[in-house]
Amino acid sequence: MKIIFYSLLITSVSLLIFSSCTKNDNPIIIVVDENNNGFETKKVAEIFAINCATSGCHTGSSPSSGLALKTYSEVLQGSSNRSGGTV
Protein backbone atom coordinates (compact mmCIF):
# COMPACT_ATOMS: atom_id res chain seq x y z
CA MET A 1 0.00 0.00 0.00
CA LYS A 2 2.81 2.41 0.87
CA ILE A 3 4.56 1.67 -2.42
CA ILE A 4 1.46 2.64 -4.39
CA PHE A 5 1.01 5.81 -2.36
CA TYR A 6 4.63 6.91 -2.81
CA SER A 7 4.56 6.05 -6.52
CA LEU A 8 1.45 8.19 -7.01
CA LEU A 9 2.95 10.99 -4.95
CA ILE A 10 6.19 11.02 -6.93
CA THR A 11 4.31 10.87 -10.22
CA SER A 12 2.00 13.72 -9.21
CA VAL A 13 4.84 15.96 -8.05
CA SER A 14 6.83 15.21 -11.22
CA LEU A 15 3.87 16.09 -13.44
CA LEU A 16 3.26 19.30 -11.51
CA ILE A 17 6.90 20.37 -11.85
CA PHE A 18 7.17 19.59 -15.56
CA SER A 19 3.87 21.21 -16.51
CA SER A 20 4.05 24.35 -14.36
CA CYS A 21 5.22 26.78 -17.05
CA THR A 22 5.75 26.55 -20.76
CA LYS A 23 9.11 27.05 -22.41
CA ASN A 24 9.37 29.75 -25.02
CA ASP A 25 12.13 29.62 -27.63
CA ASN A 26 12.11 33.45 -27.91
CA PRO A 27 11.90 34.67 -24.33
CA ILE A 28 11.43 38.32 -23.52
CA ILE A 29 14.52 39.48 -21.66
CA ILE A 30 13.56 41.42 -18.58
CA VAL A 31 16.09 44.02 -17.62
CA VAL A 32 16.77 44.81 -13.99
CA ASP A 33 16.69 48.60 -13.66
CA GLU A 34 18.78 50.85 -11.42
CA ASN A 35 16.16 50.47 -8.66
CA ASN A 36 16.35 46.65 -8.84
CA ASN A 37 12.76 46.57 -10.16
CA GLY A 38 11.66 47.51 -6.64
CA PHE A 39 13.23 44.47 -4.98
CA GLU A 40 15.67 44.83 -2.08
CA THR A 41 18.74 43.67 -4.00
CA LYS A 42 19.78 43.19 -7.61
CA LYS A 43 20.36 39.47 -6.94
CA VAL A 44 16.72 38.98 -5.89
CA ALA A 45 15.47 41.00 -8.87
CA GLU A 46 17.59 38.89 -11.24
CA ILE A 47 16.23 35.64 -9.78
CA PHE A 48 12.64 36.73 -10.46
CA ALA A 49 13.48 38.22 -13.87
CA ILE A 50 15.41 35.19 -15.13
CA ASN A 51 13.41 32.34 -13.60
CA CYS A 52 9.84 33.56 -13.19
CA ALA A 53 9.05 36.71 -15.17
CA THR A 54 9.37 35.06 -18.56
CA SER A 55 7.01 35.05 -21.52
CA GLY A 56 4.34 32.42 -21.01
CA CYS A 57 4.79 32.41 -17.28
CA HIS A 58 4.52 35.27 -14.74
CA THR A 59 4.64 38.40 -16.92
CA GLY A 60 2.70 40.18 -19.63
CA SER A 61 -0.99 41.00 -19.87
CA SER A 62 -2.12 37.53 -18.71
CA PRO A 63 0.40 36.12 -16.22
CA SER A 64 0.06 32.56 -14.96
CA SER A 65 -2.46 32.32 -12.09
CA GLY A 66 -2.83 36.12 -12.20
CA LEU A 67 0.55 36.57 -10.50
CA ALA A 68 3.03 38.87 -12.27
CA LEU A 69 6.60 38.79 -10.97
CA LYS A 70 8.42 41.40 -13.06
CA THR A 71 8.51 44.02 -10.30
CA TYR A 72 8.07 44.03 -6.54
CA SER A 73 4.88 46.11 -6.83
CA GLU A 74 3.40 43.50 -9.21
CA VAL A 75 4.24 40.77 -6.69
CA LEU A 76 2.38 42.66 -3.96
CA GLN A 77 -0.56 43.46 -6.22
CA GLY A 78 -0.82 39.86 -7.41
CA SER A 79 -0.62 38.56 -3.88
CA SER A 80 -3.68 40.52 -2.81
CA ASN A 81 -5.70 40.14 -6.03
CA ARG A 82 -5.04 36.50 -6.96
CA SER A 83 -7.55 34.84 -9.26
CA GLY A 84 -7.84 31.77 -7.06
CA GLY A 85 -5.22 29.73 -8.90
CA THR A 86 -6.86 29.70 -12.31
CA VAL A 87 -4.64 30.12 -15.33
C-alpha atoms as a PDB file:
ATOM      1  CA  MET A   1       0.000   0.000   0.000  1.00  0.00           C
ATOM      2  CA  LYS A   2       2.812   2.406   0.866  1.00  0.00           C
ATOM      3  CA  ILE A   3       4.561   1.667  -2.421  1.00  0.00           C
ATOM      4  CA  ILE A   4       1.456   2.636  -4.393  1.00  0.00           C
ATOM      5  CA  PHE A   5       1.011   5.813  -2.361  1.00  0.00           C
ATOM      6  CA  TYR A   6       4.626   6.910  -2.811  1.00  0.00           C
ATOM      7  CA  SER A   7       4.558   6.050  -6.516  1.00  0.00           C
ATOM      8  CA  LEU A   8       1.451   8.187  -7.009  1.00  0.00           C
ATOM      9  CA  LEU A   9       2.949  10.994  -4.954  1.00  0.00           C
ATOM     10  CA  ILE A  10       6.194  11.023  -6.926  1.00  0.00           C
ATOM     11  CA  THR A  11       4.314  10.869 -10.223  1.00  0.00           C
ATOM     12  CA  SER A  12       1.998  13.724  -9.207  1.00  0.00           C
ATOM     13  CA  VAL A  13       4.842  15.958  -8.052  1.00  0.00           C
ATOM     14  CA  SER A  14       6.829  15.210 -11.215  1.00  0.00           C
ATOM     15  CA  LEU A  15       3.874  16.090 -13.439  1.00  0.00           C
ATOM     16  CA  LEU A  16       3.262  19.302 -11.514  1.00  0.00           C
ATOM     17  CA  ILE A  17       6.898  20.375 -11.854  1.00  0.00           C
ATOM     18  CA  PHE A  18       7.172  19.590 -15.556  1.00  0.00           C
ATOM     19  CA  SER A  19       3.871  21.208 -16.508  1.00  0.00           C
ATOM     20  CA  SER A  20       4.046  24.352 -14.360  1.00  0.00           C
ATOM     21  CA  CYS A  21       5.221  26.776 -17.045  1.00  0.00           C
ATOM     22  CA  THR A  22       5.747  26.553 -20.758  1.00  0.00           C
ATOM     23  CA  LYS A  23       9.112  27.048 -22.406  1.00  0.00           C
ATOM     24  CA  ASN A  24       9.366  29.751 -25.020  1.00  0.00           C
ATOM     25  CA  ASP A  25      12.134  29.623 -27.626  1.00  0.00           C
ATOM     26  CA  ASN A  26      12.114  33.448 -27.908  1.00  0.00           C
ATOM     27  CA  PRO A  27      11.895  34.665 -24.326  1.00  0.00           C
ATOM     28  CA  ILE A  28      11.430  38.320 -23.519  1.00  0.00           C
ATOM     29  CA  ILE A  29      14.517  39.482 -21.664  1.00  0.00           C
ATOM     30  CA  ILE A  30      13.558  41.421 -18.576  1.00  0.00           C
ATOM     31  CA  VAL A  31      16.093  44.017 -17.620  1.00  0.00           C
ATOM     32  CA  VAL A  32      16.765  44.813 -13.994  1.00  0.00           C
ATOM     33  CA  ASP A  33      16.689  48.596 -13.657  1.00  0.00           C
ATOM     34  CA  GLU A  34      18.778  50.851 -11.419  1.00  0.00           C
ATOM     35  CA  ASN A  35      16.162  50.468  -8.662  1.00  0.00           C
ATOM     36  CA  ASN A  36      16.350  46.653  -8.836  1.00  0.00           C
ATOM     37  CA  ASN A  37      12.756  46.573 -10.159  1.00  0.00           C
ATOM     38  CA  GLY A  38      11.659  47.514  -6.643  1.00  0.00           C
ATOM     39  CA  PHE A  39      13.234  44.473  -4.977  1.00  0.00           C
ATOM     40  CA  GLU A  40      15.672  44.832  -2.084  1.00  0.00           C
ATOM     41  CA  THR A  41      18.744  43.669  -3.999  1.00  0.00           C
ATOM     42  CA  LYS A  42      19.781  43.188  -7.614  1.00  0.00           C
ATOM     43  CA  LYS A  43      20.359  39.470  -6.942  1.00  0.00           C
ATOM     44  CA  VAL A  44      16.718  38.979  -5.894  1.00  0.00           C
ATOM     45  CA  ALA A  45      15.472  41.003  -8.873  1.00  0.00           C
ATOM     46  CA  GLU A  46      17.591  38.885 -11.235  1.00  0.00           C
ATOM     47  CA  ILE A  47      16.227  35.637  -9.779  1.00  0.00           C
ATOM     48  CA  PHE A  48      12.644  36.726 -10.461  1.00  0.00           C
ATOM     49  CA  ALA A  49      13.479  38.216 -13.873  1.00  0.00           C
ATOM     50  CA  ILE A  50      15.410  35.193 -15.132  1.00  0.00           C
ATOM     51  CA  ASN A  51      13.408  32.338 -13.599  1.00  0.00           C
ATOM     52  CA  CYS A  52       9.842  33.563 -13.187  1.00  0.00           C
ATOM     53  CA  ALA A  53       9.051  36.708 -15.169  1.00  0.00           C
ATOM     54  CA  THR A  54       9.369  35.056 -18.564  1.00  0.00           C
ATOM     55  CA  SER A  55       7.013  35.049 -21.520  1.00  0.00           C
ATOM     56  CA  GLY A  56       4.337  32.424 -21.011  1.00  0.00           C
ATOM     57  CA  CYS A  57       4.795  32.406 -17.279  1.00  0.00           C
ATOM     58  CA  HIS A  58       4.524  35.272 -14.741  1.00  0.00           C
ATOM     59  CA  THR A  59       4.643  38.398 -16.916  1.00  0.00           C
ATOM     60  CA  GLY A  60       2.702  40.185 -19.631  1.00  0.00           C
ATOM     61  CA  SER A  61      -0.992  40.997 -19.874  1.00  0.00           C
ATOM     62  CA  SER A  62      -2.117  37.535 -18.711  1.00  0.00           C
ATOM     63  CA  PRO A  63       0.398  36.124 -16.216  1.00  0.00           C
ATOM     64  CA  SER A  64       0.057  32.561 -14.958  1.00  0.00           C
ATOM     65  CA  SER A  65      -2.460  32.324 -12.092  1.00  0.00           C
ATOM     66  CA  GLY A  66      -2.830  36.117 -12.199  1.00  0.00           C
ATOM     67  CA  LEU A  67       0.547  36.569 -10.502  1.00  0.00           C
ATOM     68  CA  ALA A  68       3.027  38.872 -12.269  1.00  0.00           C
ATOM     69  CA  LEU A  69       6.601  38.785 -10.972  1.00  0.00           C
ATOM     70  CA  LYS A  70       8.420  41.401 -13.059  1.00  0.00           C
ATOM     71  CA  THR A  71       8.512  44.017 -10.298  1.00  0.00           C
ATOM     72  CA  TYR A  72       8.070  44.028  -6.545  1.00  0.00           C
ATOM     73  CA  SER A  73       4.885  46.108  -6.826  1.00  0.00           C
ATOM     74  CA  GLU A  74       3.397  43.503  -9.208  1.00  0.00           C
ATOM     75  CA  VAL A  75       4.241  40.770  -6.693  1.00  0.00           C
ATOM     76  CA  LEU A  76       2.385  42.661  -3.957  1.00  0.00           C
ATOM     77  CA  GLN A  77      -0.556  43.465  -6.222  1.00  0.00           C
ATOM     78  CA  GLY A  78      -0.816  39.857  -7.414  1.00  0.00           C
ATOM     79  CA  SER A  79      -0.616  38.560  -3.876  1.00  0.00           C
ATOM     80  CA  SER A  80      -3.685  40.519  -2.806  1.00  0.00           C
ATOM     81  CA  ASN A  81      -5.699  40.138  -6.032  1.00  0.00           C
ATOM     82  CA  ARG A  82      -5.040  36.496  -6.962  1.00  0.00           C
ATOM     83  CA  SER A  83      -7.545  34.838  -9.263  1.00  0.00           C
ATOM     84  CA  GLY A  84      -7.836  31.769  -7.058  1.00  0.00           C
ATOM     85  CA  GLY A  85      -5.223  29.733  -8.895  1.00  0.00           C
ATOM     86  CA  THR A  86      -6.857  29.697 -12.308  1.00  0.00           C
ATOM     87  CA  VAL A  87      -4.641  30.120 -15.330  1.00  0.00           C
END
